[in-house]
Amino acid sequence: MHFGTECTQEPITVLWMSDRSDRLTQAMKAAGVSRTDAVESWGWNANSLKSHMNGHRDFSFKQAMKYGGRLKTRAEWLYEGLGQMREAPPKSKRPEIEIPVISWVSAGQLADIGDLDQVDELTRITVSGLPAATYFATEVRGDSMDRVSPDGSTIIVRVEQERPIPGGFYVFSVNGETIFKRYYDDPIVRFEPFSTNPANRPTYPMNERWSVVGQVVRSFIDLDRG
């Protein structure tokens, strides 16, 4: 005999995000890449990527290497969560150095003095990533080089007396006056501005006494000045 009724239920499908899919989603967000971007730019399979990101299907370590290569993410982290998402940036092999900050006038006098130790410094700053040499920093005045160094920015100058290279950025001393310009010598020696202001014109030293104070190797501006 049959007592009661037999109840049957359809199996319930549960959607879940695996740790692996969650890490892939994190990596995509960190790289600023959408699924559409990845498919269109890198030729990734749209269905596979969607399944890997929503956790419907896990991906292999080989696939993690493929994803990681494009997303600049470690495959070990994507696949098993080991270590950091990305490799730590390599430390510079060049040590930090302290360099003096001197006045704009002193920069011009430096060519005549020939010894940075004899110039009064305003303060010192620490910089890194520069090859061994003698450097000083100074504040830019005016807008003649504002495409790379707006008024008030700081430039790092490598002291040298070698012949300047055409197109290079240099601090010159012209009759004892400091100028920051680009050097050109064809068809005639001139110091050119690099400016958004058309009123700035090249300087032609001609018979004037001039010398190279140093080559400008870095330029920056402090946006947090009081």
Protein backbone atom coordinates (compact mmCIF):
# COMPACT_ATOMS: atom_id res chain seq x y z
CA MET A 1 0.00 0.00 0.00
CA HIS A 2 1.00 3.52 -0.55
CA PHE A 3 0.55 5.95 2.29
CA GLY A 4 0.93 9.68 1.70
CA THR A 5 2.53 11.34 -1.25
CA GLU A 6 6.14 11.38 -2.26
CA CYS A 7 7.66 14.86 -2.59
CA THR A 8 10.39 15.53 -5.10
CA GLN A 9 12.45 18.70 -5.40
CA GLU A 10 14.50 20.05 -8.24
CA PRO A 11 18.18 20.43 -7.33
CA ILE A 12 19.11 23.96 -6.34
CA THR A 13 22.02 25.54 -8.17
CA VAL A 14 24.15 27.64 -5.84
CA LEU A 15 26.31 30.36 -7.39
CA TRP A 16 29.46 31.19 -5.45
CA MET A 17 32.69 33.08 -5.87
CA SER A 18 35.75 30.93 -5.32
CA ASP A 19 38.88 32.49 -3.86
CA ARG A 20 40.53 32.07 -7.25
CA SER A 21 37.77 33.88 -9.13
CA ASP A 22 37.72 36.58 -6.48
CA ARG A 23 41.46 37.17 -6.91
CA LEU A 24 41.06 37.36 -10.69
CA THR A 25 38.34 39.97 -10.22
CA GLN A 26 40.62 41.93 -7.87
CA ALA A 27 43.45 41.81 -10.39
CA MET A 28 41.19 43.03 -13.19
CA LYS A 29 40.03 45.96 -11.06
CA ALA A 30 43.57 46.80 -9.96
CA ALA A 31 44.68 46.89 -13.59
CA GLY A 32 41.67 49.01 -14.56
CA VAL A 33 40.60 46.45 -17.18
CA SER A 34 37.02 45.38 -17.87
CA ARG A 35 35.98 42.04 -19.32
CA THR A 36 35.15 43.77 -22.59
CA ASP A 37 38.57 45.46 -22.67
CA ALA A 38 40.35 42.16 -22.08
CA VAL A 39 38.40 40.34 -24.78
CA GLU A 40 38.77 43.08 -27.38
CA SER A 41 42.38 44.06 -26.63
CA TRP A 42 43.96 40.72 -25.76
CA GLY A 43 41.73 38.23 -27.58
CA TRP A 44 40.66 36.39 -24.43
CA ASN A 45 37.69 34.04 -24.74
CA ALA A 46 34.67 35.97 -23.45
CA ASN A 47 32.78 32.94 -22.07
CA SER A 48 35.82 31.46 -20.36
CA LEU A 49 36.76 34.77 -18.76
CA LYS A 50 33.21 35.29 -17.51
CA SER A 51 33.12 31.78 -16.01
CA HIS A 52 36.51 32.25 -14.37
CA MET A 53 35.51 35.59 -12.86
CA ASN A 54 32.09 34.53 -11.52
CA GLY A 55 33.34 31.24 -10.09
CA HIS A 56 31.40 28.87 -12.32
CA ARG A 57 34.66 27.32 -13.47
CA ASP A 58 38.16 27.37 -12.00
CA PHE A 59 41.20 28.07 -14.14
CA SER A 60 44.52 26.27 -14.36
CA PHE A 61 47.93 27.54 -13.33
CA LYS A 62 48.80 27.86 -17.01
CA GLN A 63 45.77 30.12 -17.42
CA ALA A 64 46.83 32.05 -14.30
CA MET A 65 50.19 32.70 -15.96
CA LYS A 66 48.37 34.02 -19.03
CA TYR A 67 46.15 36.30 -16.94
CA GLY A 68 49.01 37.40 -14.73
CA GLY A 69 51.22 38.34 -17.65
CA ARG A 70 48.66 40.82 -18.96
CA LEU A 71 47.45 42.07 -15.58
CA LYS A 72 51.00 42.39 -14.18
CA THR A 73 49.97 40.05 -11.38
CA ARG A 74 51.87 37.08 -9.96
CA ALA A 75 50.47 33.77 -11.22
CA GLU A 76 51.15 32.15 -7.82
CA TRP A 77 48.92 34.73 -6.16
CA LEU A 78 46.16 34.37 -8.75
CA TYR A 79 46.16 30.57 -8.56
CA GLU A 80 46.80 29.86 -4.87
CA GLY A 81 46.86 33.23 -3.10
CA LEU A 82 50.56 32.91 -2.29
CA GLY A 83 52.54 36.07 -1.54
CA GLN A 84 51.70 39.50 -2.89
CA MET A 85 49.48 40.32 -5.84
CA ARG A 86 52.39 41.99 -7.64
CA GLU A 87 56.13 41.79 -7.48
CA ALA A 88 57.70 44.46 -5.29
CA PRO A 89 59.42 47.13 -7.41
CA PRO A 90 63.17 46.57 -7.57
CA LYS A 91 65.19 48.77 -5.28
CA SER A 92 67.42 51.26 -6.98
CA LYS A 93 71.04 50.21 -7.02
CA ARG A 94 71.94 53.87 -6.81
CA PRO A 95 71.97 55.10 -3.20
CA GLU A 96 70.17 58.18 -1.95
CA ILE A 97 72.33 61.28 -1.86
CA GLU A 98 72.02 64.66 -0.21
CA ILE A 99 72.51 67.64 -2.46
CA PRO A 100 72.59 71.36 -1.66
CA VAL A 101 69.87 73.75 -2.73
CA ILE A 102 71.44 77.05 -3.77
CA SER A 103 70.07 80.35 -4.95
CA TRP A 104 69.50 81.15 -8.61
CA VAL A 105 72.21 83.85 -8.46
CA SER A 106 74.70 81.42 -6.94
CA ALA A 107 74.10 79.01 -9.80
CA GLY A 108 75.45 81.63 -12.18
CA GLN A 109 78.41 82.38 -9.96
CA LEU A 110 79.23 78.69 -9.72
CA ALA A 111 80.73 78.69 -13.21
CA ASP A 112 83.27 81.28 -12.10
CA ILE A 113 83.88 79.81 -8.66
CA GLY A 114 84.35 76.29 -9.97
CA ASP A 115 83.73 74.78 -6.53
CA LEU A 116 80.27 73.98 -5.19
CA ASP A 117 81.61 73.89 -1.62
CA GLN A 118 82.26 77.62 -1.78
CA VAL A 119 78.64 78.49 -2.57
CA ASP A 120 76.26 79.25 0.29
CA GLU A 121 73.47 76.70 0.36
CA LEU A 122 69.89 77.41 1.39
CA THR A 123 69.10 73.87 2.52
CA ARG A 124 69.63 70.24 1.45
CA ILE A 125 67.35 67.69 -0.16
CA THR A 126 67.65 63.94 -0.55
CA VAL A 127 67.34 62.39 -4.00
CA SER A 128 67.76 58.87 -5.36
CA GLY A 129 68.38 57.14 -8.66
CA LEU A 130 71.17 59.45 -9.82
CA PRO A 131 74.60 58.21 -10.96
CA ALA A 132 77.67 59.32 -9.05
CA ALA A 133 78.47 62.97 -9.77
CA THR A 134 78.31 66.41 -8.20
CA TYR A 135 74.84 67.93 -8.09
CA PHE A 136 72.99 70.94 -6.80
CA ALA A 137 69.34 71.98 -6.83
CA THR A 138 67.90 75.41 -7.45
CA GLU A 139 64.49 77.00 -7.94
CA VAL A 140 63.42 78.07 -11.42
CA ARG A 141 62.33 81.66 -11.93
CA GLY A 142 60.20 82.82 -14.84
CA ASP A 143 58.31 80.99 -17.59
CA SER A 144 60.96 80.59 -20.28
CA MET A 145 61.14 76.81 -19.62
CA ASP A 146 57.61 76.23 -18.35
CA ARG A 147 56.97 73.23 -20.62
CA VAL A 148 59.26 71.20 -18.39
CA SER A 149 59.89 73.48 -15.40
CA PRO A 150 57.24 76.06 -14.53
CA ASP A 151 58.05 79.07 -12.37
CA GLY A 152 58.80 77.91 -8.82
CA SER A 153 59.75 74.35 -9.74
CA THR A 154 63.01 72.79 -8.61
CA ILE A 155 65.66 71.48 -10.98
CA ILE A 156 68.51 69.08 -10.22
CA VAL A 157 71.70 70.10 -11.99
CA ARG A 158 74.75 67.91 -12.58
CA VAL A 159 77.82 70.11 -12.40
CA GLU A 160 80.01 69.76 -15.48
CA GLN A 161 82.19 71.83 -17.76
CA GLU A 162 81.97 69.58 -20.80
CA ARG A 163 80.68 70.83 -24.12
CA PRO A 164 76.85 70.76 -24.08
CA ILE A 165 74.88 68.40 -26.32
CA PRO A 166 72.45 69.96 -28.82
CA GLY A 167 68.90 69.72 -27.52
CA GLY A 168 70.04 69.22 -23.92
CA PHE A 169 68.76 71.22 -20.96
CA TYR A 170 71.43 73.29 -19.20
CA VAL A 171 72.05 76.07 -16.74
CA PHE A 172 74.41 78.60 -18.30
CA SER A 173 76.29 81.55 -16.96
CA VAL A 174 76.26 84.42 -19.47
CA ASN A 175 78.33 87.39 -18.28
CA GLY A 176 77.70 86.20 -14.73
CA GLU A 177 73.92 85.95 -15.19
CA THR A 178 72.17 82.61 -14.68
CA ILE A 179 69.92 81.26 -17.43
CA PHE A 180 68.19 77.90 -17.89
CA LYS A 181 67.71 76.98 -21.55
CA ARG A 182 68.17 74.32 -24.22
CA TYR A 183 71.44 74.32 -26.13
CA TYR A 184 71.73 74.35 -29.93
CA ASP A 185 74.70 75.13 -32.16
CA ASP A 186 73.42 74.70 -35.74
CA PRO A 187 73.74 76.97 -37.61
CA ILE A 188 74.83 79.17 -34.69
CA VAL A 189 75.23 78.76 -30.94
CA ARG A 190 72.03 79.72 -29.15
CA PHE A 191 70.17 79.07 -25.92
CA GLU A 192 66.50 78.41 -26.66
CA PRO A 193 63.49 78.67 -24.35
CA PHE A 194 61.03 75.79 -24.06
CA SER A 195 57.97 77.79 -23.22
CA THR A 196 54.26 78.26 -23.81
CA ASN A 197 54.88 82.01 -23.83
CA PRO A 198 55.72 83.20 -27.37
CA ALA A 199 57.33 86.33 -25.93
CA ASN A 200 60.34 84.27 -24.86
CA ARG A 201 63.10 84.36 -27.44
CA PRO A 202 66.42 82.52 -27.92
CA THR A 203 69.60 83.96 -26.48
CA TYR A 204 72.54 84.31 -28.85
CA PRO A 205 75.75 84.60 -26.79
CA MET A 206 77.86 85.69 -29.77
CA ASN A 207 80.89 87.48 -28.27
CA GLU A 208 79.60 87.35 -24.70
CA ARG A 209 81.42 85.38 -22.03
CA TRP A 210 79.45 82.24 -21.26
CA SER A 211 80.02 78.83 -19.71
CA VAL A 212 78.09 75.72 -18.77
CA VAL A 213 77.19 75.56 -15.10
CA GLY A 214 75.67 72.11 -15.42
CA GLN A 215 73.16 69.86 -17.15
CA VAL A 216 69.61 69.75 -15.81
CA VAL A 217 68.82 66.09 -15.19
CA ARG A 218 65.57 66.31 -13.23
CA SER A 219 62.71 68.74 -12.71
CA PHE A 220 59.85 68.67 -10.24
CA ILE A 221 57.42 70.94 -8.43
CA ASP A 222 56.18 70.62 -4.86
CA LEU A 223 52.40 70.84 -4.97
CA ASP A 224 52.17 70.89 -1.17
CA ARG A 225 54.06 74.10 -0.55
CA GLY A 226 52.58 76.50 1.96
